[in-house]
Amino acid sequence: MGNSEPKSAGHLLVRELEAHGVQRAYLVPGESYLDVLDSLHDSSIRAIVCRQEGGAGYMAVAEGRMTGVPGIAMVTRGPGASNVMVAVHTAFQDATPMVVFVGLIPTAQRGREAFQEFDLSGWFSTTAKKVLTLDDPDKAAEVVADAMHTAVAGRPGPVIVGLPEEVLVRETTARTLPPRTLGSPAPYSGDLTELRARILQADRPVLVIGGEDWSPSTSKRIAQWSRDRGLGVIGTFRAYDGIDHAGPNFLGILGYGASEVAKRTFAEADLHIFLGCVRTDVSTAGFTIGTEQKTVVIGPDADAHGHFGPLDQHIVTSVGRFAQSLFTEDGSRAYSVSSDGSIDEPAAEDSSLTPTEAAVPLPEWIRRARAEFEDWREPRVGTTTSAPEFVDMDEAFVHVRELLPDNAIITYGAGNFSGWATRFLPAHGFPSALGPRNGSMGFGLPAAVAAGLVHPERAVFCIAGDGDFLMNGQELATAAQYGIDLTVVVNDNSVYGTIRGHQDREYPGRATGTTLVNPDFAGMAQAFGGLGIRVESTSEFREAFAAVLAHEGPALVHCITDPAIRGARA
């Protein structure tokens, strides 16, 4: 079909998504957007059919986080839109680019309480960057281009596009449009001069990394710059994979489950440099530590949305642009423009980067903190407090770390169980950790499905709690349908462990509403067409984990754990 030939608005919409480099659309089908589904039949975009809209939305969030291209979710009106809301909130709080297409009732039926009618803007306007409705078939490409651009511009986030049923089938001769250029100001020399002076004046400068604007070349630059300038580096909550944790100045992760050395390093710093993130309630342990230091924020959001406390210097630029400005480069390196209008940059080799100033040795306080952090990252084996009929997760993660490839992508939802992954599994390059920064349960398995599709060459490992897993366990069917290799470990302690911990502290002896009676998770994996193994003691774990890791397709280890153990040993 030529660009100027007549086509339906639904078909033009899909052609425009193709022009923006979209490779996958995660969807639950609905009669409200049948014409879009019909266009996907002949499209280069792969339709990934999911089993619940929340799972589809989480997959789109994960795709947007890994690729920088907005993840695409497609759902139907009413119930479908309500189910995807959980992923929209995740994308909004996590600043992840995402576009959700929602089928709507016919325009003539609006305001009559028609079947599955709802107020699109009323539902989503407080949790999305923009809410659009396609009311003119000739503007299908324009609406898509607008949505895709808004999702990635400034502080990234979700955009909602409503699709009235009858508008999609109307004919149009409108053309596809090129992606809008994404403007990203580069820091000017005065910014860098001021930043350099602040670092030189500080005794304990700390760089806090976060966000999703990372690439191999950006990671290499920031890692080298932070070492050369004598900066301690801390990752922010569930956005800590920007640089390799093997670096000698990486000192831990902030947020729930943070090590004492990470919290102390953050609290004792006299300069905070937030790169790709801001100071939040989670990073400051509820605004109790690290709230008064001199502060520099570097990121694309001119509003510094969500930042708390001092803001002494604000450099409005992307993480990638900032990283480029720190070095002079070999001018022979080639660049190209990608399908979404951004610049594709070749990987940075050590020989092509020249620091703009001489390196300084790492100070002793960083060396001491690094040694303490490395000790904290070692599982405490041989001191188990679990009964022998349970799996000791500290010891289990010794085997996970030994058997899992270094370039594996780690996914998880929300709960104490995620602490074993964030503590014992270091990240070695972006993207390698996918977790919901808004604390949304059920994220891990759908994220693992998306990771397996985006990076089929890499191992994908999902750690889940029993409560967390059943939030979206049905997406095992999606993994099986598309032949995705992923490994899941379910920590079954028969309780909503995080909430039970709060109850035991605030209302001792009065736990209510947190006990679980669970299914056979291994049998469930088998029923979905994967491999499932039940493990009831620590001695059985290594063999089981090796088996599921080697399995082609979805595989799961069901670990029976002690209800009284809710986190790694100190």
Protein backbone atom coordinates (compact mmCIF):
# COMPACT_ATOMS: atom_id res chain seq x y z
CA MET A 1 0.00 0.00 0.00
CA GLY A 2 1.54 3.29 -1.10
CA ASN A 3 1.84 6.24 1.21
CA SER A 4 -0.76 8.30 -0.68
CA GLU A 5 -3.19 5.47 -1.49
CA PRO A 6 -6.50 5.34 0.39
CA LYS A 7 -6.35 3.40 3.62
CA SER A 8 -8.30 3.23 6.85
CA ALA A 9 -7.31 5.35 9.82
CA GLY A 10 -6.47 2.17 11.73
CA HIS A 11 -4.07 1.07 9.01
CA LEU A 12 -2.47 4.52 8.86
CA LEU A 13 -1.99 4.41 12.62
CA VAL A 14 0.00 1.18 12.37
CA ARG A 15 2.06 2.49 9.42
CA GLU A 16 2.98 5.49 11.57
CA LEU A 17 4.09 3.23 14.41
CA GLU A 18 6.30 1.41 11.92
CA ALA A 19 7.82 4.75 10.88
CA HIS A 20 8.74 5.33 14.53
CA GLY A 21 10.69 2.09 14.77
CA VAL A 22 8.16 0.18 16.86
CA GLN A 23 8.89 -3.54 16.73
CA ARG A 24 6.26 -5.00 19.08
CA ALA A 25 2.78 -4.17 20.35
CA TYR A 26 1.62 -5.86 23.55
CA LEU A 27 -2.11 -6.33 23.47
CA VAL A 28 -5.29 -7.97 24.60
CA PRO A 29 -7.65 -7.87 21.59
CA GLY A 30 -10.98 -6.09 21.62
CA GLU A 31 -13.75 -5.47 19.12
CA SER A 32 -13.35 -1.73 19.65
CA TYR A 33 -10.11 -1.63 17.64
CA LEU A 34 -10.49 -4.45 15.13
CA ASP A 35 -9.17 -2.35 12.25
CA VAL A 36 -5.86 -1.82 14.05
CA LEU A 37 -5.62 -5.56 14.62
CA ASP A 38 -6.30 -6.13 10.93
CA SER A 39 -3.45 -3.79 9.98
CA LEU A 40 -1.06 -5.65 12.28
CA HIS A 41 -1.69 -8.76 10.18
CA ASP A 42 0.48 -7.31 7.39
CA SER A 43 2.77 -5.21 9.56
CA SER A 44 6.43 -5.55 10.50
CA ILE A 45 5.25 -4.88 14.06
CA ARG A 46 4.90 -8.12 15.97
CA ALA A 47 1.62 -8.45 17.86
CA ILE A 48 2.30 -10.02 21.27
CA VAL A 49 -0.99 -11.41 22.54
CA CYS A 50 -1.17 -11.24 26.33
CA ARG A 51 -3.56 -12.79 28.84
CA GLN A 52 -4.49 -9.69 30.85
CA GLU A 53 -4.16 -5.99 30.13
CA GLY A 54 -2.07 -5.37 33.25
CA GLY A 55 0.48 -7.88 31.97
CA ALA A 56 0.44 -6.30 28.52
CA GLY A 57 1.01 -2.88 30.04
CA TYR A 58 3.92 -4.07 32.18
CA MET A 59 5.53 -5.61 29.10
CA ALA A 60 5.22 -2.28 27.30
CA VAL A 61 6.80 -0.50 30.29
CA ALA A 62 9.72 -2.94 30.25
CA GLU A 63 10.18 -2.53 26.50
CA GLY A 64 10.23 1.26 26.79
CA ARG A 65 12.77 1.07 29.60
CA MET A 66 15.10 -1.24 27.68
CA THR A 67 14.94 0.40 24.26
CA GLY A 68 14.14 4.08 24.79
CA VAL A 69 11.38 3.73 22.17
CA PRO A 70 7.95 4.03 23.80
CA GLY A 71 6.54 0.65 24.68
CA ILE A 72 3.21 0.05 22.96
CA ALA A 73 0.15 -1.42 24.67
CA MET A 74 -3.24 -1.90 23.02
CA VAL A 75 -6.40 -2.55 25.02
CA THR A 76 -10.11 -2.27 24.66
CA ARG A 77 -12.53 0.15 26.31
CA GLY A 78 -13.88 0.05 29.87
CA PRO A 79 -12.58 -3.08 31.62
CA GLY A 80 -9.51 -3.27 29.38
CA ALA A 81 -8.62 0.33 30.12
CA SER A 82 -9.09 -0.18 33.86
CA ASN A 83 -6.81 -3.21 33.86
CA VAL A 84 -3.97 -1.38 32.10
CA MET A 85 -4.07 1.52 34.58
CA VAL A 86 -1.60 -0.20 36.91
CA ALA A 87 1.05 -0.13 34.19
CA VAL A 88 0.28 3.51 33.34
CA HIS A 89 0.91 4.47 36.95
CA THR A 90 4.18 2.52 36.87
CA ALA A 91 5.31 4.30 33.71
CA PHE A 92 4.32 7.69 35.15
CA GLN A 93 6.13 7.32 38.48
CA ASP A 94 9.12 5.56 36.88
CA ALA A 95 9.41 8.11 34.02
CA THR A 96 9.28 5.41 31.34
CA PRO A 97 8.15 6.13 27.74
CA MET A 98 4.96 4.31 26.87
CA VAL A 99 1.95 4.79 24.59
CA VAL A 100 -1.33 3.04 25.33
CA PHE A 101 -3.95 2.77 22.59
CA VAL A 102 -7.45 2.31 23.97
CA GLY A 103 -10.43 1.31 21.87
CA LEU A 104 -13.50 3.48 22.51
CA ILE A 105 -17.23 3.32 21.90
CA PRO A 106 -18.58 4.92 18.71
CA THR A 107 -18.57 8.71 18.91
CA ALA A 108 -22.35 9.02 18.46
CA GLN A 109 -22.91 6.95 21.62
CA ARG A 110 -20.87 9.15 23.94
CA GLY A 111 -22.66 10.41 27.05
CA ARG A 112 -25.37 7.72 26.92
CA GLU A 113 -23.78 5.26 29.35
CA ALA A 114 -23.15 2.96 26.41
CA PHE A 115 -21.70 -0.52 26.84
CA GLN A 116 -18.20 -0.19 28.42
CA GLU A 117 -18.29 3.62 28.17
CA PHE A 118 -15.93 5.59 30.39
CA ASP A 119 -14.28 9.02 30.48
CA LEU A 120 -10.83 8.55 28.95
CA SER A 121 -9.44 11.88 30.11
CA GLY A 122 -11.10 11.62 33.50
CA TRP A 123 -9.48 8.27 34.14
CA PHE A 124 -5.97 8.96 32.86
CA SER A 125 -5.28 12.70 32.87
CA THR A 126 -3.68 12.72 36.34
CA THR A 127 -1.43 9.75 35.58
CA ALA A 128 -0.30 10.40 32.02
CA LYS A 129 1.67 13.13 30.27
CA LYS A 130 -1.06 13.58 27.68
CA VAL A 131 -4.44 12.08 26.73
CA LEU A 132 -5.41 12.21 23.06
CA THR A 133 -8.45 11.03 21.11
CA LEU A 134 -8.45 10.28 17.39
CA ASP A 135 -11.64 11.98 16.16
CA ASP A 136 -10.48 12.69 12.58
CA PRO A 137 -9.18 9.82 10.38
CA ASP A 138 -6.96 12.25 8.45
CA LYS A 139 -5.05 12.97 11.68
CA ALA A 140 -4.18 9.37 12.57
CA ALA A 141 -0.49 9.77 11.73
CA GLU A 142 -0.37 13.18 13.39
CA VAL A 143 -1.85 11.85 16.64
CA VAL A 144 0.60 8.93 16.73
CA ALA A 145 3.58 11.21 16.03
CA ASP A 146 2.42 13.56 18.79
CA ALA A 147 2.01 10.71 21.28
CA MET A 148 5.38 9.12 20.50
CA HIS A 149 7.19 12.45 20.81
CA THR A 150 5.51 13.44 24.08
CA ALA A 151 6.30 10.05 25.62
CA VAL A 152 10.08 10.59 25.22
CA ALA A 153 10.38 14.39 25.47
CA GLY A 154 11.64 15.95 28.70
CA ARG A 155 10.75 13.66 31.58
CA PRO A 156 9.55 10.50 29.78
CA GLY A 157 6.21 8.96 30.64
CA PRO A 158 2.95 7.44 29.39
CA VAL A 159 0.62 8.88 26.77
CA ILE A 160 -2.93 7.59 26.23
CA VAL A 161 -4.57 7.56 22.78
CA GLY A 162 -8.31 6.89 22.49
CA LEU A 163 -9.56 5.21 19.32
CA PRO A 164 -13.30 5.58 18.61
CA GLU A 165 -14.45 2.42 16.89
CA GLU A 166 -16.03 4.01 13.82
CA VAL A 167 -13.21 6.50 13.21
CA LEU A 168 -10.69 3.68 12.74
CA VAL A 169 -12.50 2.24 9.72
CA ARG A 170 -12.94 5.54 7.89
CA GLU A 171 -10.85 5.99 4.76
CA THR A 172 -8.07 8.56 4.52
CA THR A 173 -5.43 9.55 1.98
CA ALA A 174 -3.22 11.14 4.61
CA ARG A 175 0.44 10.17 4.59
CA THR A 176 2.69 8.80 7.25
CA LEU A 177 4.85 11.43 8.92
CA PRO A 178 8.53 11.35 9.88
CA PRO A 179 9.20 11.17 13.62
CA ARG A 180 9.55 14.53 15.30
CA THR A 181 13.09 15.50 16.20
CA LEU A 182 13.74 15.12 19.90
CA GLY A 183 15.39 18.25 21.21
CA SER A 184 17.99 17.75 23.91
CA PRO A 185 20.12 20.72 24.98
CA ALA A 186 23.79 20.07 25.53
CA PRO A 187 25.36 21.50 28.67
CA TYR A 188 27.33 24.63 27.94
CA SER A 189 30.88 25.11 29.14
CA GLY A 190 29.78 27.25 32.08
CA ASP A 191 27.69 24.35 33.43
CA LEU A 192 30.69 22.05 33.41
CA THR A 193 32.99 24.68 34.89
CA GLU A 194 30.60 25.24 37.78
CA LEU A 195 30.17 21.50 38.32
CA ARG A 196 33.94 20.98 38.27
CA ALA A 197 34.37 23.70 40.90
CA ARG A 198 31.72 22.14 43.13
CA ILE A 199 33.43 18.75 42.94
CA LEU A 200 36.83 20.25 43.73
CA GLN A 201 35.41 22.06 46.76
CA ALA A 202 33.74 18.94 48.14
CA ASP A 203 35.41 16.47 50.48
CA ARG A 204 32.95 13.63 49.85
CA PRO A 205 31.18 14.13 46.51
CA VAL A 206 28.69 11.39 45.62
CA LEU A 207 27.14 10.68 42.21
CA VAL A 208 23.65 9.13 42.34
CA ILE A 209 22.72 7.46 39.06
CA GLY A 210 19.26 6.55 37.83
CA GLY A 211 16.78 6.84 34.99
CA GLU A 212 16.78 5.04 31.69
CA ASP A 213 18.80 7.21 29.30
CA TRP A 214 21.80 4.89 29.24
CA SER A 215 23.80 3.14 26.52
CA PRO A 216 27.11 1.24 26.53
CA SER A 217 29.02 4.36 25.49
CA THR A 218 27.25 6.53 28.07
CA SER A 219 27.91 3.98 30.80
CA LYS A 220 31.61 3.80 29.89
CA ARG A 221 31.97 7.57 29.94
CA ILE A 222 30.21 8.08 33.26
CA ALA A 223 32.12 5.24 34.91
CA GLN A 224 35.47 6.66 33.78
CA TRP A 225 34.55 10.26 34.66
CA SER A 226 33.35 9.31 38.14
CA ARG A 227 36.58 7.39 38.82
CA ASP A 228 38.77 10.15 37.45
CA ARG A 229 37.01 12.79 39.58
CA GLY A 230 37.07 10.74 42.77
CA LEU A 231 33.30 10.42 43.06
CA GLY A 232 31.56 7.75 45.08
CA VAL A 233 28.73 6.25 42.99
CA ILE A 234 25.39 5.03 44.33
CA GLY A 235 22.47 3.67 42.31
CA THR A 236 18.98 4.87 43.05
CA PHE A 237 16.07 2.58 43.87
CA ARG A 238 15.45 0.02 41.08
CA ALA A 239 17.34 2.15 38.55
CA TYR A 240 20.86 1.15 39.45
CA ASP A 241 22.13 -0.55 36.27
CA GLY A 242 23.50 2.53 34.48
CA ILE A 243 27.12 1.57 35.14
CA ASP A 244 29.01 -1.63 35.95
CA HIS A 245 28.86 -2.48 39.64
CA ALA A 246 32.37 -3.94 39.39
CA GLY A 247 33.75 -0.39 39.28
CA PRO A 248 35.98 0.42 42.26
CA ASN A 249 33.87 3.44 43.25
CA PHE A 250 30.41 1.85 43.06
CA LEU A 251 29.19 1.83 46.66
CA GLY A 252 25.66 0.46 46.68
CA ILE A 253 21.99 1.14 46.04
CA LEU A 254 19.59 3.48 47.82
CA GLY A 255 16.02 2.69 48.79
CA TYR A 256 14.31 -0.21 50.51
CA GLY A 257 16.84 -2.85 51.52
CA ALA A 258 19.81 -0.51 51.11
CA SER A 259 23.05 -1.47 52.81
CA GLU A 260 24.24 0.52 55.79
CA VAL A 261 27.33 1.61 53.85
CA ALA A 262 25.20 3.00 51.01
CA LYS A 263 22.97 4.94 53.41
CA ARG A 264 25.94 6.22 55.37
CA THR A 265 27.81 7.26 52.22
CA PHE A 266 24.75 9.17 51.05
CA ALA A 267 24.17 10.79 54.44
CA GLU A 268 27.81 11.80 55.00
CA ALA A 269 28.37 13.25 51.53
CA ASP A 270 28.80 16.99 51.25
CA LEU A 271 27.78 17.11 47.58
CA HIS A 272 25.04 15.13 45.84
CA ILE A 273 25.08 14.92 42.03
CA PHE A 274 21.89 13.31 40.77
CA LEU A 275 22.31 12.03 37.21
CA GLY A 276 19.11 10.94 35.48
CA CYS A 277 17.18 11.00 38.76
CA VAL A 278 16.22 13.25 41.67
CA ARG A 279 16.14 13.13 45.47
CA THR A 280 12.99 11.28 46.53
CA ASP A 281 11.34 9.91 49.65
CA VAL A 282 12.59 6.39 48.89
CA SER A 283 16.22 7.39 48.37
CA THR A 284 16.21 9.44 51.59
CA ALA A 285 14.53 6.77 53.75
CA GLY A 286 11.40 8.87 54.11
CA PHE A 287 13.23 12.22 54.04
CA THR A 288 15.36 11.26 57.05
CA ILE A 289 18.86 11.10 55.49
CA GLY A 290 20.74 13.10 52.90
CA THR A 291 18.24 15.93 52.55
CA GLU A 292 20.38 19.03 53.20
CA GLN A 293 23.53 18.55 51.10
CA LYS A 294 24.60 20.83 48.29
CA THR A 295 22.83 19.40 45.28
CA VAL A 296 23.28 19.21 41.52
CA VAL A 297 20.57 17.65 39.35
CA ILE A 298 21.43 16.62 35.78
CA GLY A 299 18.60 15.40 33.58
CA PRO A 300 16.19 16.30 30.78
CA ASP A 301 13.35 17.50 33.01
CA ALA A 302 13.41 21.28 33.43
CA ASP A 303 10.85 20.94 36.24
CA ALA A 304 12.96 18.43 38.24
CA HIS A 305 9.68 16.65 38.93
CA GLY A 306 9.62 14.90 42.30
CA HIS A 307 12.83 16.44 43.61
CA PHE A 308 12.99 17.24 47.30
CA GLY A 309 15.44 19.49 49.12
CA PRO A 310 18.16 21.88 47.94
CA LEU A 311 18.83 22.41 44.25
CA ASP A 312 22.02 24.45 43.89
CA GLN A 313 22.75 23.67 40.23
CA HIS A 314 20.42 22.28 37.59
CA ILE A 315 21.84 21.12 34.25
CA VAL A 316 18.97 20.43 31.88
CA THR A 317 20.27 17.88 29.41
CA SER A 318 20.04 14.18 28.71
CA VAL A 319 22.34 11.73 30.47
CA GLY A 320 23.82 10.81 27.10
CA ARG A 321 24.52 14.42 26.12
CA PHE A 322 26.09 15.12 29.49
CA ALA A 323 28.34 12.07 29.15
CA GLN A 324 29.45 13.17 25.68
CA SER A 325 30.39 16.61 26.96
CA LEU A 326 32.88 15.18 29.44
CA PHE A 327 35.31 13.93 26.81
CA THR A 328 36.92 14.97 23.57
CA GLU A 329 36.56 12.41 20.83
CA ASP A 330 38.16 11.04 17.71
CA GLY A 331 36.34 12.89 14.92
CA SER A 332 36.53 9.92 12.57
CA ARG A 333 33.78 8.02 14.40
CA ALA A 334 30.58 7.58 12.39
CA TYR A 335 27.08 8.49 13.56
CA SER A 336 23.67 7.74 12.00
CA VAL A 337 20.06 8.75 12.53
CA SER A 338 17.74 6.00 13.74
CA SER A 339 14.13 5.46 12.66
CA ASP A 340 12.81 7.37 15.67
CA GLY A 341 14.91 10.42 14.86
CA SER A 342 17.54 9.90 17.56
CA ILE A 343 21.27 9.56 17.02
CA ASP A 344 22.74 6.07 16.88
CA GLU A 345 26.22 6.30 18.33
CA PRO A 346 28.88 3.62 17.88
CA ALA A 347 30.26 2.01 21.00
CA ALA A 348 32.91 4.10 22.70
CA GLU A 349 36.34 2.49 22.74
CA ASP A 350 38.85 3.45 25.37
CA SER A 351 41.19 4.80 22.71
CA SER A 352 38.55 7.18 21.32
CA LEU A 353 37.88 8.97 24.61
CA THR A 354 40.14 11.62 26.07
CA PRO A 355 39.21 13.07 29.48
CA THR A 356 39.01 16.84 29.57
CA GLU A 357 41.15 16.92 32.71
CA ALA A 358 43.66 14.76 34.56
CA ALA A 359 42.44 11.95 36.82
CA VAL A 360 42.74 12.03 40.60
CA PRO A 361 43.31 8.92 42.74
CA LEU A 362 40.32 7.42 44.50
CA PRO A 363 40.19 8.79 48.04
CA GLU A 364 40.51 6.50 51.03
CA TRP A 365 36.89 6.96 52.11
CA ILE A 366 35.77 5.43 48.80
CA ARG A 367 38.19 2.52 49.14
CA ARG A 368 36.93 1.73 52.64
CA ALA A 369 33.27 2.03 51.62
CA ARG A 370 33.88 -0.21 48.61
CA ALA A 371 35.42 -2.92 50.79
CA GLU A 372 32.44 -2.76 53.15
CA PHE A 373 30.02 -2.91 50.22
CA GLU A 374 31.77 -5.95 48.71
CA ASP A 375 31.54 -7.73 52.06
CA TRP A 376 27.80 -6.92 52.28
CA ARG A 377 27.26 -8.41 48.83
CA GLU A 378 28.49 -11.83 49.95
CA PRO A 379 25.68 -14.19 51.06
CA ARG A 380 25.89 -15.23 54.72
CA VAL A 381 26.11 -18.99 54.29
CA GLY A 382 26.58 -21.52 57.07
CA THR A 383 24.58 -19.42 59.55
CA THR A 384 21.08 -20.37 58.47
CA THR A 385 18.16 -19.82 60.79
CA SER A 386 15.75 -21.69 58.49
CA ALA A 387 14.51 -25.14 59.43
CA PRO A 388 15.98 -27.95 57.27
CA GLU A 389 12.64 -28.52 55.55
CA PHE A 390 12.88 -25.07 53.92
CA VAL A 391 15.08 -23.50 51.24
CA ASP A 392 17.58 -20.97 52.58
CA MET A 393 17.46 -18.19 49.99
CA ASP A 394 20.82 -16.72 51.04
CA GLU A 395 22.51 -20.01 50.20
CA ALA A 396 20.34 -20.47 47.11
CA PHE A 397 21.59 -17.17 45.71
CA VAL A 398 25.16 -18.38 45.99
CA HIS A 399 24.20 -20.85 43.27
CA VAL A 400 22.15 -18.32 41.33
CA ARG A 401 25.12 -15.98 41.15
CA GLU A 402 27.52 -18.75 40.14
CA LEU A 403 25.29 -20.24 37.44
CA LEU A 404 23.62 -17.14 35.98
CA PRO A 405 25.55 -15.45 33.13
CA ASP A 406 27.01 -12.03 33.96
CA ASN A 407 24.93 -10.38 31.22
CA ALA A 408 21.60 -11.77 32.46
CA ILE A 409 18.60 -9.46 32.74
CA ILE A 410 17.08 -9.57 36.23
CA THR A 411 13.38 -8.82 36.74
CA TYR A 412 11.19 -8.64 39.81
CA GLY A 413 8.00 -7.09 41.13
CA ALA A 414 7.46 -5.67 44.60
CA GLY A 415 8.18 -7.38 47.90
CA ASN A 416 10.93 -8.30 50.33
CA PHE A 417 11.97 -11.18 48.06
CA SER A 418 13.46 -8.72 45.56
CA GLY A 419 16.14 -7.87 48.11
CA TRP A 420 17.99 -11.10 47.37
CA ALA A 421 18.39 -10.04 43.75
CA THR A 422 19.34 -6.42 44.38
CA ARG A 423 21.87 -7.43 47.03
CA PHE A 424 23.52 -10.50 45.55
CA LEU A 425 23.24 -10.03 41.76
CA PRO A 426 25.40 -7.12 40.53
CA ALA A 427 24.52 -5.30 37.32
CA HIS A 428 27.17 -5.06 34.63
CA GLY A 429 25.51 -2.91 31.98
CA PHE A 430 22.25 -1.29 30.95
CA PRO A 431 19.68 -2.78 30.71
CA SER A 432 20.17 -5.54 33.25
CA ALA A 433 17.63 -4.85 36.04
CA LEU A 434 13.88 -4.34 35.57
CA GLY A 435 11.85 -3.55 38.66
CA PRO A 436 8.90 -1.22 39.37
CA ARG A 437 10.01 1.93 41.15
CA ASN A 438 6.40 2.59 42.14
CA GLY A 439 6.36 -0.70 44.09
CA SER A 440 3.86 -2.43 41.83
CA MET A 441 3.37 -6.14 42.45
CA GLY A 442 3.19 -8.50 39.47
CA PHE A 443 5.72 -6.63 37.32
CA GLY A 444 8.49 -9.23 37.25
CA LEU A 445 7.07 -11.97 35.01
CA PRO A 446 5.66 -9.67 32.28
CA ALA A 447 8.95 -7.75 32.33
CA ALA A 448 10.80 -11.03 31.87
CA VAL A 449 8.62 -11.84 28.84
CA ALA A 450 9.47 -8.47 27.27
CA ALA A 451 13.16 -8.90 28.11
CA GLY A 452 13.19 -12.27 26.36
CA LEU A 453 11.67 -10.69 23.25
CA VAL A 454 13.93 -7.62 23.19
CA HIS A 455 17.11 -9.53 24.08
CA PRO A 456 16.68 -13.19 23.07
CA GLU A 457 20.48 -13.59 23.14
CA ARG A 458 20.62 -12.99 26.91
CA ALA A 459 19.53 -15.05 29.89
CA VAL A 460 16.46 -13.69 31.68
CA PHE A 461 15.92 -14.37 35.39
CA CYS A 462 12.81 -13.42 37.36
CA ILE A 463 12.67 -13.62 41.14
CA ALA A 464 9.11 -13.55 42.50
CA GLY A 465 7.28 -13.93 45.76
CA ASP A 466 4.25 -16.18 45.99
CA GLY A 467 1.86 -13.22 46.27
CA ASP A 468 3.69 -11.25 43.61
CA PHE A 469 3.82 -14.12 41.10
CA LEU A 470 0.08 -14.73 41.08
CA MET A 471 -0.60 -11.09 40.24
CA ASN A 472 0.40 -11.90 36.65
CA GLY A 473 1.32 -15.58 36.61
CA GLN A 474 -0.99 -16.09 33.65
CA GLU A 475 1.67 -14.51 31.44
CA LEU A 476 3.56 -17.82 31.58
CA ALA A 477 1.15 -18.67 28.78
CA THR A 478 2.49 -15.74 26.76
CA ALA A 479 6.06 -16.86 27.39
CA ALA A 480 5.20 -20.37 26.24
CA GLN A 481 3.27 -19.16 23.18
CA TYR A 482 6.26 -17.18 21.90
CA GLY A 483 8.93 -19.66 22.98
CA ILE A 484 10.65 -17.24 25.34
CA ASP A 485 13.55 -18.54 27.39
CA LEU A 486 13.14 -17.29 30.93
CA THR A 487 13.86 -18.65 34.38
CA VAL A 488 11.67 -17.95 37.40
CA VAL A 489 12.34 -18.62 41.07
CA VAL A 490 9.23 -18.37 43.25
CA ASN A 491 9.90 -17.73 46.94
CA ASP A 492 6.87 -19.41 48.54
CA ASN A 493 6.62 -18.50 52.23
CA SER A 494 2.80 -18.61 52.21
CA VAL A 495 2.44 -15.00 53.31
CA TYR A 496 2.38 -11.45 51.99
CA GLY A 497 5.75 -11.04 53.66
CA THR A 498 6.31 -7.29 53.40
CA ILE A 499 2.93 -6.44 54.88
CA ARG A 500 3.23 -9.15 57.54
CA GLY A 501 6.49 -7.54 58.62
CA HIS A 502 4.72 -4.21 59.05
CA GLN A 503 1.94 -5.92 61.01
CA ASP A 504 4.37 -7.69 63.32
CA ARG A 505 6.03 -4.35 64.07
CA GLU A 506 2.92 -2.17 64.45
CA TYR A 507 0.31 -4.71 65.62
CA PRO A 508 2.24 -7.63 67.15
CA GLY A 509 0.30 -10.87 67.44
CA ARG A 510 -2.63 -9.53 65.41
CA ALA A 511 -1.72 -10.39 61.81
CA THR A 512 -4.82 -10.39 59.62
CA GLY A 513 -5.30 -10.66 55.87
CA THR A 514 -1.73 -11.70 54.97
CA THR A 515 -1.75 -15.52 55.11
CA LEU A 516 -1.73 -17.37 51.78
CA VAL A 517 -2.59 -20.90 50.73
CA ASN A 518 -0.72 -21.43 47.48
CA PRO A 519 -1.07 -23.68 44.44
CA ASP A 520 1.61 -25.98 43.10
CA PHE A 521 3.66 -23.38 41.20
CA ALA A 522 5.85 -26.05 39.58
CA GLY A 523 2.75 -27.87 38.37
CA MET A 524 1.38 -24.57 37.13
CA ALA A 525 4.52 -24.02 35.02
CA GLN A 526 4.14 -27.53 33.60
CA ALA A 527 0.50 -26.88 32.78
CA PHE A 528 1.49 -23.80 30.78
CA GLY A 529 3.95 -25.85 28.73
CA GLY A 530 7.13 -25.04 30.63
CA LEU A 531 9.36 -26.85 33.09
CA GLY A 532 8.58 -26.71 36.80
CA ILE A 533 10.54 -28.14 39.73
CA ARG A 534 9.52 -28.05 43.39
CA VAL A 535 12.33 -27.64 45.91
CA GLU A 536 11.80 -28.10 49.64
CA SER A 537 15.37 -27.99 50.97
CA THR A 538 18.51 -26.00 50.24
CA SER A 539 20.45 -29.09 49.16
CA GLU A 540 18.07 -29.59 46.22
CA PHE A 541 18.30 -26.06 44.86
CA ARG A 542 21.48 -26.00 42.77
CA GLU A 543 20.55 -29.01 40.64
CA ALA A 544 17.04 -27.68 40.11
CA PHE A 545 18.23 -24.20 39.17
CA ALA A 546 20.80 -25.57 36.72
CA ALA A 547 18.04 -27.63 35.09
CA VAL A 548 15.62 -24.76 34.61
CA LEU A 549 18.41 -22.46 33.42
CA ALA A 550 19.32 -24.97 30.70
CA HIS A 551 15.69 -25.48 29.65
CA GLU A 552 14.55 -23.91 26.38
CA GLY A 553 11.37 -22.01 27.09
CA PRO A 554 9.80 -20.84 30.36
CA ALA A 555 11.00 -22.71 33.45
CA LEU A 556 10.35 -22.29 37.16
CA VAL A 557 11.75 -23.39 40.51
CA HIS A 558 9.16 -23.44 43.28
CA CYS A 559 11.05 -22.85 46.53
CA ILE A 560 9.34 -23.62 49.83
CA THR A 561 10.76 -21.10 52.31
CA ASP A 562 10.41 -20.31 56.00
CA PRO A 563 7.52 -17.86 56.65
CA ALA A 564 9.57 -16.28 59.42
CA ILE A 565 12.45 -15.36 57.07
CA ARG A 566 11.60 -12.30 54.99
CA GLY A 567 14.97 -11.04 53.79
CA ALA A 568 18.67 -11.69 53.48
CA ARG A 569 20.71 -12.04 56.67
CA ALA A 570 22.57 -8.92 57.75
